[in-house]
């Protein structure tokens, strides 16, 4: 138990911040599940993806998750959205060929 007034306040503030961080992380997990379901059902994928990315960016800005974690989660979401779409054709090589005749 804290004996100093400032320590008591820090305990209260830390508890409030912990709940806010938990809220962000939980929301990200929920929105990821919704996105996965939307991709499987192919219904309203873009809006679900946009909402997920918005919450991830907010969580990273507030310090609830690390910025690299945010980038990883956004990348996973983009791959998930891309997996639902038809695969693009491979790009043609523009560079010189390495094999000589």
PDB file of N, CA and C in Angstrom:
ATOM      1  N   UNK A   1       0.838  -1.189   0.000  1.00  0.00           N
ATOM      2  CA  UNK A   1       0.000   0.000   0.000  1.00  0.00           C
ATOM      3  C   UNK A   1       0.880   1.249   0.000  1.00  0.00           C
ATOM      4  N   UNK A   2       0.560   2.196  -0.843  1.00  0.00           N
ATOM      5  CA  UNK A   2       1.347   3.431  -0.876  1.00  0.00           C
ATOM      6  C   UNK A   2       1.097   4.277   0.370  1.00  0.00           C
ATOM      7  N   UNK A   3       2.161   4.877   0.859  1.00  0.00           N
ATOM      8  CA  UNK A   3       2.065   5.721   2.052  1.00  0.00           C
ATOM      9  C   UNK A   3       2.054   7.200   1.706  1.00  0.00           C
ATOM     10  N   UNK A   4       2.429   7.529   0.491  1.00  0.00           N
ATOM     11  CA  UNK A   4       2.563   8.919   0.089  1.00  0.00           C
ATOM     12  C   UNK A   4       1.418   9.265  -0.855  1.00  0.00           C
ATOM     13  N   UNK A   5       0.944  10.494  -0.733  1.00  0.00           N
ATOM     14  CA  UNK A   5      -0.209  10.936  -1.510  1.00  0.00           C
ATOM     15  C   UNK A   5       0.024  10.792  -3.016  1.00  0.00           C
ATOM     16  N   UNK A   6       1.208  11.153  -3.483  1.00  0.00           N
ATOM     17  CA  UNK A   6       1.510  11.060  -4.910  1.00  0.00           C
ATOM     18  C   UNK A   6       1.518   9.607  -5.375  1.00  0.00           C
ATOM     19  N   UNK A   7       1.995   8.704  -4.523  1.00  0.00           N
ATOM     20  CA  UNK A   7       1.985   7.289  -4.881  1.00  0.00           C
ATOM     21  C   UNK A   7       0.558   6.768  -4.997  1.00  0.00           C
ATOM     22  N   UNK A   8      -0.314   7.222  -4.129  1.00  0.00           N
ATOM     23  CA  UNK A   8      -1.722   6.822  -4.193  1.00  0.00           C
ATOM     24  C   UNK A   8      -2.332   7.274  -5.520  1.00  0.00           C
ATOM     25  N   UNK A   9      -1.995   8.504  -5.910  1.00  0.00           N
ATOM     26  CA  UNK A   9      -2.507   9.032  -7.182  1.00  0.00           C
ATOM     27  C   UNK A   9      -1.962   8.223  -8.356  1.00  0.00           C
ATOM     28  N   UNK A  10      -0.670   7.876  -8.326  1.00  0.00           N
ATOM     29  CA  UNK A  10      -0.067   7.103  -9.412  1.00  0.00           C
ATOM     30  C   UNK A  10      -0.758   5.740  -9.550  1.00  0.00           C
ATOM     31  N   UNK A  11      -1.135   5.132  -8.420  1.00  0.00           N
ATOM     32  CA  UNK A  11      -1.835   3.849  -8.461  1.00  0.00           C
ATOM     33  C   UNK A  11      -3.184   4.017  -9.151  1.00  0.00           C
ATOM     34  N   UNK A  12      -3.906   5.095  -8.828  1.00  0.00           N
ATOM     35  CA  UNK A  12      -5.207   5.354  -9.454  1.00  0.00           C
ATOM     36  C   UNK A  12      -5.040   5.610 -10.951  1.00  0.00           C
ATOM     37  N   UNK A  13      -4.055   6.430 -11.309  1.00  0.00           N
ATOM     38  CA  UNK A  13      -3.823   6.771 -12.712  1.00  0.00           C
ATOM     39  C   UNK A  13      -3.414   5.527 -13.498  1.00  0.00           C
ATOM     40  N   UNK A  14      -2.542   4.717 -12.922  1.00  0.00           N
ATOM     41  CA  UNK A  14      -2.076   3.506 -13.603  1.00  0.00           C
ATOM     42  C   UNK A  14      -3.234   2.539 -13.833  1.00  0.00           C
ATOM     43  N   UNK A  15      -4.130   2.435 -12.868  1.00  0.00           N
ATOM     44  CA  UNK A  15      -5.287   1.551 -13.028  1.00  0.00           C
ATOM     45  C   UNK A  15      -6.187   2.038 -14.162  1.00  0.00           C
ATOM     46  N   UNK A  16      -6.381   3.347 -14.238  1.00  0.00           N
ATOM     47  CA  UNK A  16      -7.211   3.919 -15.304  1.00  0.00           C
ATOM     48  C   UNK A  16      -6.557   3.704 -16.669  1.00  0.00           C
ATOM     49  N   UNK A  17      -5.242   3.920 -16.747  1.00  0.00           N
ATOM     50  CA  UNK A  17      -4.527   3.725 -18.011  1.00  0.00           C
ATOM     51  C   UNK A  17      -4.539   2.256 -18.437  1.00  0.00           C
ATOM     52  N   UNK A  18      -4.407   1.360 -17.456  1.00  0.00           N
ATOM     53  CA  UNK A  18      -4.414  -0.072 -17.754  1.00  0.00           C
ATOM     54  C   UNK A  18      -5.757  -0.476 -18.376  1.00  0.00           C
ATOM     55  N   UNK A  19      -6.848   0.063 -17.836  1.00  0.00           N
ATOM     56  CA  UNK A  19      -8.173  -0.235 -18.394  1.00  0.00           C
ATOM     57  C   UNK A  19      -8.327   0.317 -19.801  1.00  0.00           C
ATOM     58  N   UNK A  20      -7.815   1.521 -20.032  1.00  0.00           N
ATOM     59  CA  UNK A  20      -7.911   2.119 -21.366  1.00  0.00           C
ATOM     60  C   UNK A  20      -7.097   1.311 -22.372  1.00  0.00           C
ATOM     61  N   UNK A  21      -5.890   0.881 -21.980  1.00  0.00           N
ATOM     62  CA  UNK A  21      -5.054   0.073 -22.869  1.00  0.00           C
ATOM     63  C   UNK A  21      -5.725  -1.263 -23.169  1.00  0.00           C
ATOM     64  N   UNK A  22      -6.341  -1.866 -22.148  1.00  0.00           N
ATOM     65  CA  UNK A  22      -7.046  -3.128 -22.333  1.00  0.00           C
ATOM     66  C   UNK A  22      -8.207  -2.940 -23.299  1.00  0.00           C
ATOM     67  N   UNK A  23      -8.888  -1.804 -23.200  1.00  0.00           N
ATOM     68  CA  UNK A  23     -10.018  -1.501 -24.085  1.00  0.00           C
ATOM     69  C   UNK A  23      -9.539  -1.425 -25.537  1.00  0.00           C
ATOM     70  N   UNK A  24      -8.417  -0.764 -25.760  1.00  0.00           N
ATOM     71  CA  UNK A  24      -7.864  -0.670 -27.111  1.00  0.00           C
ATOM     72  C   UNK A  24      -7.516  -2.053 -27.656  1.00  0.00           C
ATOM     73  N   UNK A  25      -6.793  -2.843 -26.867  1.00  0.00           N
ATOM     74  CA  UNK A  25      -6.358  -4.162 -27.329  1.00  0.00           C
ATOM     75  C   UNK A  25      -7.542  -5.076 -27.613  1.00  0.00           C
ATOM     76  N   UNK A  26      -8.543  -5.010 -26.755  1.00  0.00           N
ATOM     77  CA  UNK A  26      -9.734  -5.825 -26.939  1.00  0.00           C
ATOM     78  C   UNK A  26     -10.486  -5.422 -28.203  1.00  0.00           C
ATOM     79  N   UNK A  27     -10.592  -4.117 -28.434  1.00  0.00           N
ATOM     80  CA  UNK A  27     -11.277  -3.617 -29.630  1.00  0.00           C
ATOM     81  C   UNK A  27     -10.550  -4.059 -30.891  1.00  0.00           C
ATOM     82  N   UNK A  28      -9.221  -4.031 -30.863  1.00  0.00           N
ATOM     83  CA  UNK A  28      -8.439  -4.459 -32.024  1.00  0.00           C
ATOM     84  C   UNK A  28      -8.702  -5.931 -32.321  1.00  0.00           C
ATOM     85  N   UNK A  29      -8.747  -6.764 -31.285  1.00  0.00           N
ATOM     86  CA  UNK A  29      -9.009  -8.191 -31.487  1.00  0.00           C
ATOM     87  C   UNK A  29     -10.403  -8.413 -32.055  1.00  0.00           C
ATOM     88  N   UNK A  30     -11.381  -7.685 -31.534  1.00  0.00           N
ATOM     89  CA  UNK A  30     -12.761  -7.821 -32.005  1.00  0.00           C
ATOM     90  C   UNK A  30     -12.871  -7.409 -33.465  1.00  0.00           C
ATOM     91  N   UNK A  31     -12.265  -6.266 -33.808  1.00  0.00           N
ATOM     92  CA  UNK A  31     -12.343  -5.782 -35.185  1.00  0.00           C
ATOM     93  C   UNK A  31     -11.589  -6.699 -36.149  1.00  0.00           C
ATOM     94  N   UNK A  32     -10.524  -7.334 -35.678  1.00  0.00           N
ATOM     95  CA  UNK A  32      -9.799  -8.283 -36.511  1.00  0.00           C
ATOM     96  C   UNK A  32     -10.676  -9.485 -36.810  1.00  0.00           C
ATOM     97  N   UNK A  33     -11.393  -9.965 -35.797  1.00  0.00           N
ATOM     98  CA  UNK A  33     -12.314 -11.084 -36.004  1.00  0.00           C
ATOM     99  C   UNK A  33     -13.415 -10.696 -36.988  1.00  0.00           C
ATOM    100  N   UNK A  34     -13.929  -9.477 -36.844  1.00  0.00           N
ATOM    101  CA  UNK A  34     -14.978  -9.005 -37.762  1.00  0.00           C
ATOM    102  C   UNK A  34     -14.454  -8.931 -39.194  1.00  0.00           C
ATOM    103  N   UNK A  35     -13.216  -8.454 -39.343  1.00  0.00           N
ATOM    104  CA  UNK A  35     -12.623  -8.362 -40.679  1.00  0.00           C
ATOM    105  C   UNK A  35     -12.475  -9.749 -41.283  1.00  0.00           C
ATOM    106  N   UNK A  36     -12.002 -10.706 -40.489  1.00  0.00           N
ATOM    107  CA  UNK A  36     -11.829 -12.072 -40.982  1.00  0.00           C
ATOM    108  C   UNK A  36     -13.180 -12.648 -41.434  1.00  0.00           C
ATOM    109  N   UNK A  37     -14.220 -12.393 -40.654  1.00  0.00           N
ATOM    110  CA  UNK A  37     -15.565 -12.860 -41.021  1.00  0.00           C
ATOM    111  C   UNK A  37     -16.047 -12.183 -42.292  1.00  0.00           C
ATOM    112  N   UNK A  38     -15.802 -10.879 -42.405  1.00  0.00           N
ATOM    113  CA  UNK A  38     -16.227 -10.137 -43.594  1.00  0.00           C
ATOM    114  C   UNK A  38     -15.515 -10.646 -44.842  1.00  0.00           C
ATOM    115  N   UNK A  39     -14.241 -11.014 -44.715  1.00  0.00           N
ATOM    116  CA  UNK A  39     -13.492 -11.532 -45.858  1.00  0.00           C
ATOM    117  C   UNK A  39     -14.063 -12.890 -46.277  1.00  0.00           C
ATOM    118  N   UNK A  40     -14.383 -13.730 -45.285  1.00  0.00           N
ATOM    119  CA  UNK A  40     -14.942 -15.048 -45.597  1.00  0.00           C
ATOM    120  C   UNK A  40     -16.297 -14.924 -46.278  1.00  0.00           C
ATOM    121  N   UNK A  41     -17.101 -13.966 -45.818  1.00  0.00           N
ATOM    122  CA  UNK A  41     -18.439 -13.780 -46.387  1.00  0.00           C
ATOM    123  C   UNK A  41     -18.428 -12.791 -47.549  1.00  0.00           C
ATOM    124  N   UNK A  42     -17.288 -12.179 -47.796  1.00  0.00           N
ATOM    125  CA  UNK A  42     -17.097 -11.141 -48.821  1.00  0.00           C
ATOM    126  C   UNK A  42     -18.185 -10.070 -48.749  1.00  0.00           C
ATOM    127  N   UNK A  43     -18.326  -9.506 -47.540  1.00  0.00           N
ATOM    128  CA  UNK A  43     -19.323  -8.447 -47.354  1.00  0.00           C
ATOM    129  C   UNK A  43     -18.708  -7.280 -46.589  1.00  0.00           C
ATOM    130  N   UNK A  44     -18.666  -6.115 -47.213  1.00  0.00           N
ATOM    131  CA  UNK A  44     -18.239  -4.868 -46.562  1.00  0.00           C
ATOM    132  C   UNK A  44     -16.826  -4.951 -45.976  1.00  0.00           C
ATOM    133  N   UNK A  45     -15.903  -5.490 -46.742  1.00  0.00           N
ATOM    134  CA  UNK A  45     -14.533  -5.688 -46.276  1.00  0.00           C
ATOM    135  C   UNK A  45     -13.822  -4.351 -46.098  1.00  0.00           C
ATOM    136  N   UNK A  46     -14.019  -3.431 -47.038  1.00  0.00           N
ATOM    137  CA  UNK A  46     -13.300  -2.151 -47.000  1.00  0.00           C
ATOM    138  C   UNK A  46     -13.591  -1.350 -45.745  1.00  0.00           C
ATOM    139  N   UNK A  47     -14.855  -1.242 -45.365  1.00  0.00           N
ATOM    140  CA  UNK A  47     -15.184  -0.440 -44.181  1.00  0.00           C
ATOM    141  C   UNK A  47     -14.657  -1.092 -42.906  1.00  0.00           C
ATOM    142  N   UNK A  48     -14.712  -2.426 -42.841  1.00  0.00           N
ATOM    143  CA  UNK A  48     -14.174  -3.129 -41.669  1.00  0.00           C
ATOM    144  C   UNK A  48     -12.661  -2.910 -41.579  1.00  0.00           C
ATOM    145  N   UNK A  49     -11.987  -2.977 -42.723  1.00  0.00           N
ATOM    146  CA  UNK A  49     -10.534  -2.789 -42.742  1.00  0.00           C
ATOM    147  C   UNK A  49     -10.181  -1.358 -42.331  1.00  0.00           C
ATOM    148  N   UNK A  50     -10.915  -0.397 -42.859  1.00  0.00           N
ATOM    149  CA  UNK A  50     -10.667   1.013 -42.537  1.00  0.00           C
ATOM    150  C   UNK A  50     -10.844   1.264 -41.034  1.00  0.00           C
ATOM    151  N   UNK A  51     -11.895   0.702 -40.454  1.00  0.00           N
ATOM    152  CA  UNK A  51     -12.160   0.871 -39.020  1.00  0.00           C
ATOM    153  C   UNK A  51     -11.045   0.247 -38.185  1.00  0.00           C
ATOM    154  N   UNK A  52     -10.605  -0.948 -38.569  1.00  0.00           N
ATOM    155  CA  UNK A  52      -9.531  -1.627 -37.841  1.00  0.00           C
ATOM    156  C   UNK A  52      -8.245  -0.809 -37.876  1.00  0.00           C
ATOM    157  N   UNK A  53      -7.872  -0.316 -39.046  1.00  0.00           N
ATOM    158  CA  UNK A  53      -6.638   0.458 -39.185  1.00  0.00           C
ATOM    159  C   UNK A  53      -6.727   1.743 -38.355  1.00  0.00           C
ATOM    160  N   UNK A  54      -7.902   2.363 -38.350  1.00  0.00           N
ATOM    161  CA  UNK A  54      -8.093   3.599 -37.574  1.00  0.00           C
ATOM    162  C   UNK A  54      -7.872   3.339 -36.086  1.00  0.00           C
ATOM    163  N   UNK A  55      -8.435   2.248 -35.560  1.00  0.00           N
ATOM    164  CA  UNK A  55      -8.289   1.934 -34.134  1.00  0.00           C
ATOM    165  C   UNK A  55      -6.847   1.556 -33.812  1.00  0.00           C
ATOM    166  N   UNK A  56      -6.193   0.828 -34.706  1.00  0.00           N
ATOM    167  CA  UNK A  56      -4.792   0.450 -34.486  1.00  0.00           C
ATOM    168  C   UNK A  56      -3.921   1.700 -34.417  1.00  0.00           C
ATOM    169  N   UNK A  57      -4.129   2.642 -35.331  1.00  0.00           N
ATOM    170  CA  UNK A  57      -3.356   3.879 -35.324  1.00  0.00           C
ATOM    171  C   UNK A  57      -3.596   4.677 -34.048  1.00  0.00           C
ATOM    172  N   UNK A  58      -4.836   4.726 -33.609  1.00  0.00           N
ATOM    173  CA  UNK A  58      -5.166   5.442 -32.381  1.00  0.00           C
ATOM    174  C   UNK A  58      -4.479   4.805 -31.175  1.00  0.00           C
ATOM    175  N   UNK A  59      -4.522   3.472 -31.108  1.00  0.00           N
ATOM    176  CA  UNK A  59      -3.909   2.758 -29.995  1.00  0.00           C
ATOM    177  C   UNK A  59      -2.403   3.001 -29.955  1.00  0.00           C
ATOM    178  N   UNK A  60      -1.764   3.020 -31.110  1.00  0.00           N
ATOM    179  CA  UNK A  60      -0.326   3.262 -31.166  1.00  0.00           C
ATOM    180  C   UNK A  60      -0.012   4.697 -30.766  1.00  0.00           C
ATOM    181  N   UNK A  61      -0.844   5.634 -31.187  1.00  0.00           N
ATOM    182  CA  UNK A  61      -0.624   7.042 -30.847  1.00  0.00           C
ATOM    183  C   UNK A  61      -0.769   7.277 -29.347  1.00  0.00           C
ATOM    184  N   UNK A  62      -1.673   6.546 -28.720  1.00  0.00           N
ATOM    185  CA  UNK A  62      -1.896   6.712 -27.280  1.00  0.00           C
ATOM    186  C   UNK A  62      -0.932   5.875 -26.444  1.00  0.00           C
ATOM    187  N   UNK A  63      -0.142   5.033 -27.104  1.00  0.00           N
ATOM    188  CA  UNK A  63       0.839   4.236 -26.379  1.00  0.00           C
ATOM    189  C   UNK A  63       0.284   2.939 -25.835  1.00  0.00           C
ATOM    190  N   UNK A  64      -0.911   2.550 -26.250  1.00  0.00           N
ATOM    191  CA  UNK A  64      -1.505   1.301 -25.772  1.00  0.00           C
ATOM    192  C   UNK A  64      -0.780   0.102 -26.368  1.00  0.00           C
ATOM    193  N   UNK A  65      -0.307   0.240 -27.625  1.00  0.00           N
ATOM    194  CA  UNK A  65       0.496  -0.798 -28.255  1.00  0.00           C
ATOM    195  C   UNK A  65       1.713  -0.138 -28.881  1.00  0.00           C
ATOM    196  N   UNK A  66       2.761  -0.907 -29.054  1.00  0.00           N
ATOM    197  CA  UNK A  66       3.996  -0.399 -29.642  1.00  0.00           C
ATOM    198  C   UNK A  66       3.777  -0.133 -31.128  1.00  0.00           C
ATOM    199  N   UNK A  67       4.519   0.824 -31.663  1.00  0.00           N
ATOM    200  CA  UNK A  67       4.301   1.196 -33.067  1.00  0.00           C
ATOM    201  C   UNK A  67       4.660   0.057 -34.018  1.00  0.00           C
ATOM    202  N   UNK A  68       5.628  -0.781 -33.654  1.00  0.00           N
ATOM    203  CA  UNK A  68       5.957  -1.925 -34.511  1.00  0.00           C
ATOM    204  C   UNK A  68       4.839  -2.968 -34.468  1.00  0.00           C
ATOM    205  N   UNK A  69       4.226  -3.125 -33.307  1.00  0.00           N
ATOM    206  CA  UNK A  69       3.086  -4.028 -33.178  1.00  0.00           C
ATOM    207  C   UNK A  69       1.936  -3.520 -34.038  1.00  0.00           C
ATOM    208  N   UNK A  70       1.726  -2.205 -34.012  1.00  0.00           N
ATOM    209  CA  UNK A  70       0.669  -1.608 -34.836  1.00  0.00           C
ATOM    210  C   UNK A  70       0.941  -1.860 -36.311  1.00  0.00           C
ATOM    211  N   UNK A  71       2.179  -1.686 -36.728  1.00  0.00           N
ATOM    212  CA  UNK A  71       2.538  -1.897 -38.130  1.00  0.00           C
ATOM    213  C   UNK A  71       2.320  -3.357 -38.516  1.00  0.00           C
ATOM    214  N   UNK A  72       2.684  -4.283 -37.622  1.00  0.00           N
ATOM    215  CA  UNK A  72       2.514  -5.708 -37.897  1.00  0.00           C
ATOM    216  C   UNK A  72       1.035  -6.068 -38.036  1.00  0.00           C
ATOM    217  N   UNK A  73       0.210  -5.534 -37.132  1.00  0.00           N
ATOM    218  CA  UNK A  73      -1.225  -5.833 -37.174  1.00  0.00           C
ATOM    219  C   UNK A  73      -1.875  -5.249 -38.432  1.00  0.00           C
ATOM    220  N   UNK A  74      -1.452  -4.057 -38.836  1.00  0.00           N
ATOM    221  CA  UNK A  74      -1.990  -3.444 -40.050  1.00  0.00           C
ATOM    222  C   UNK A  74      -1.567  -4.254 -41.278  1.00  0.00           C
ATOM    223  N   UNK A  75      -0.340  -4.747 -41.275  1.00  0.00           N
ATOM    224  CA  UNK A  75       0.146  -5.559 -42.377  1.00  0.00           C
ATOM    225  C   UNK A  75      -0.636  -6.870 -42.462  1.00  0.00           C
ATOM    226  N   UNK A  76      -0.895  -7.488 -41.318  1.00  0.00           N
ATOM    227  CA  UNK A  76      -1.674  -8.721 -41.300  1.00  0.00           C
ATOM    228  C   UNK A  76      -3.081  -8.482 -41.833  1.00  0.00           C
ATOM    229  N   UNK A  77      -3.662  -7.346 -41.455  1.00  0.00           N
ATOM    230  CA  UNK A  77      -5.008  -7.013 -41.923  1.00  0.00           C
ATOM    231  C   UNK A  77      -5.012  -6.799 -43.428  1.00  0.00           C
ATOM    232  N   UNK A  78      -3.982  -6.127 -43.938  1.00  0.00           N
ATOM    233  CA  UNK A  78      -3.899  -5.872 -45.379  1.00  0.00           C
ATOM    234  C   UNK A  78      -3.738  -7.181 -46.143  1.00  0.00           C
ATOM    235  N   UNK A  79      -2.941  -8.099 -45.612  1.00  0.00           N
ATOM    236  CA  UNK A  79      -2.776  -9.405 -46.262  1.00  0.00           C
ATOM    237  C   UNK A  79      -4.083 -10.178 -46.252  1.00  0.00           C
ATOM    238  N   UNK A  80      -4.824 -10.062 -45.148  1.00  0.00           N
ATOM    239  CA  UNK A  80      -6.113 -10.735 -45.044  1.00  0.00           C
ATOM    240  C   UNK A  80      -7.077 -10.199 -46.092  1.00  0.00           C
ATOM    241  N   UNK A  81      -7.105  -8.884 -46.252  1.00  0.00           N
ATOM    242  CA  UNK A  81      -7.969  -8.262 -47.252  1.00  0.00           C
ATOM    243  C   UNK A  81      -7.510  -8.675 -48.647  1.00  0.00           C
ATOM    244  N   UNK A  82      -6.210  -8.719 -48.862  1.00  0.00           N
ATOM    245  CA  UNK A  82      -5.670  -9.106 -50.164  1.00  0.00           C
ATOM    246  C   UNK A  82      -5.934 -10.563 -50.490  1.00  0.00           C
ATOM    247  N   UNK A  83      -6.005 -11.415 -49.465  1.00  0.00           N
ATOM    248  CA  UNK A  83      -6.253 -12.835 -49.687  1.00  0.00           C
ATOM    249  C   UNK A  83      -7.675 -13.065 -50.182  1.00  0.00           C
ATOM    250  N   UNK A  84      -8.593 -12.182 -49.793  1.00  0.00           N
ATOM    251  CA  UNK A  84      -9.974 -12.314 -50.239  1.00  0.00           C
ATOM    252  C   UNK A  84     -10.159 -11.887 -51.677  1.00  0.00           C
ATOM    253  N   UNK A  85      -9.263 -11.043 -52.177  1.00  0.00           N
ATOM    254  CA  UNK A  85      -9.353 -10.541 -53.551  1.00  0.00           C
ATOM    255  C   UNK A  85      -8.624 -11.506 -54.485  1.00  0.00           C
ATOM    256  N   UNK A  86      -8.918 -11.474 -55.775  1.00  0.00           N
ATOM    257  CA  UNK A  86      -8.180 -12.322 -56.710  1.00  0.00           C
ATOM    258  C   UNK A  86      -6.711 -11.912 -56.757  1.00  0.00           C
ATOM    259  N   UNK A  87      -5.839 -12.873 -56.941  1.00  0.00           N
ATOM    260  CA  UNK A  87      -4.399 -12.604 -56.946  1.00  0.00           C
ATOM    261  C   UNK A  87      -4.009 -11.820 -58.194  1.00  0.00           C
ATOM    262  N   UNK A  88      -3.177 -10.788 -58.048  1.00  0.00           N
ATOM    263  CA  UNK A  88      -2.737 -10.021 -59.209  1.00  0.00           C
ATOM    264  C   UNK A  88      -1.714 -10.818 -60.009  1.00  0.00           C
ATOM    265  N   UNK A  89      -1.585 -10.459 -61.292  1.00  0.00           N
ATOM    266  CA  UNK A  89      -0.601 -11.129 -62.132  1.00  0.00           C
ATOM    267  C   UNK A  89       0.794 -10.674 -61.721  1.00  0.00           C
ATOM    268  N   UNK A  90       1.795 -11.561 -61.813  1.00  0.00           N
ATOM    269  CA  UNK A  90       3.161 -11.149 -61.458  1.00  0.00           C
ATOM    270  C   UNK A  90       3.676 -10.091 -62.420  1.00  0.00           C
ATOM    271  N   UNK A  91       4.426  -9.136 -61.887  1.00  0.00           N
ATOM    272  CA  UNK A  91       4.958  -8.044 -62.700  1.00  0.00           C
ATOM    273  C   UNK A  91       6.085  -8.566 -63.581  1.00  0.00           C
ATOM    274  N   UNK A  92       6.197  -7.977 -64.767  1.00  0.00           N
ATOM    275  CA  UNK A  92       7.272  -8.365 -65.679  1.00  0.00           C
ATOM    276  C   UNK A  92       8.569  -7.716 -65.217  1.00  0.00           C
ATOM    277  N   UNK A  93       9.658  -8.415 -65.409  1.00  0.00           N
ATOM    278  CA  UNK A  93      10.962  -7.908 -65.012  1.00  0.00           C
ATOM    279  C   UNK A  93      11.373  -6.770 -65.932  1.00  0.00           C
ATOM    280  N   UNK A  94      11.875  -5.685 -65.348  1.00  0.00           N
ATOM    281  CA  UNK A  94      12.325  -4.541 -66.146  1.00  0.00           C
ATOM    282  C   UNK A  94      13.844  -4.487 -66.260  1.00  0.00           C
ATOM    283  N   UNK A  95      14.515  -5.195 -65.371  1.00  0.00           N
ATOM    284  CA  UNK A  95      15.969  -5.131 -65.344  1.00  0.00           C
ATOM    285  C   UNK A  95      16.598  -6.013 -66.410  1.00  0.00           C
ATOM    286  N   UNK A  96      17.922  -5.937 -66.487  1.00  0.00           N
ATOM    287  CA  UNK A  96      18.653  -6.762 -67.433  1.00  0.00           C
ATOM    288  C   UNK A  96      18.610  -8.201 -66.969  1.00  0.00           C
ATOM    289  N   UNK A  97      18.600  -9.100 -67.894  1.00  0.00           N
ATOM    290  CA  UNK A  97      18.575 -10.489 -67.512  1.00  0.00           C
ATOM    291  C   UNK A  97      19.982 -10.887 -67.059  1.00  0.00           C
ATOM    292  N   UNK A  98      20.051 -11.771 -66.076  1.00  0.00           N
ATOM    293  CA  UNK A  98      21.344 -12.164 -65.516  1.00  0.00           C
ATOM    294  C   UNK A  98      22.039 -13.228 -66.365  1.00  0.00           C
ATOM    295  N   UNK A  99      21.261 -14.007 -67.104  1.00  0.00           N
ATOM    296  CA  UNK A  99      21.848 -15.061 -67.927  1.00  0.00           C
ATOM    297  C   UNK A  99      22.339 -14.473 -69.245  1.00  0.00           C
ATOM    298  N   UNK A 100      23.543 -14.860 -69.622  1.00  0.00           N
ATOM    299  CA  UNK A 100      24.094 -14.384 -70.905  1.00  0.00           C
ATOM    300  C   UNK A 100      23.961 -15.494 -71.926  1.00  0.00           C
ATOM    301  N   UNK A 101      23.769 -15.084 -73.163  1.00  0.00           N
ATOM    302  CA  UNK A 101      23.573 -16.075 -74.234  1.00  0.00           C
ATOM    303  C   UNK A 101      24.880 -16.667 -74.704  1.00  0.00           C
TER     304      UNK A 101
END
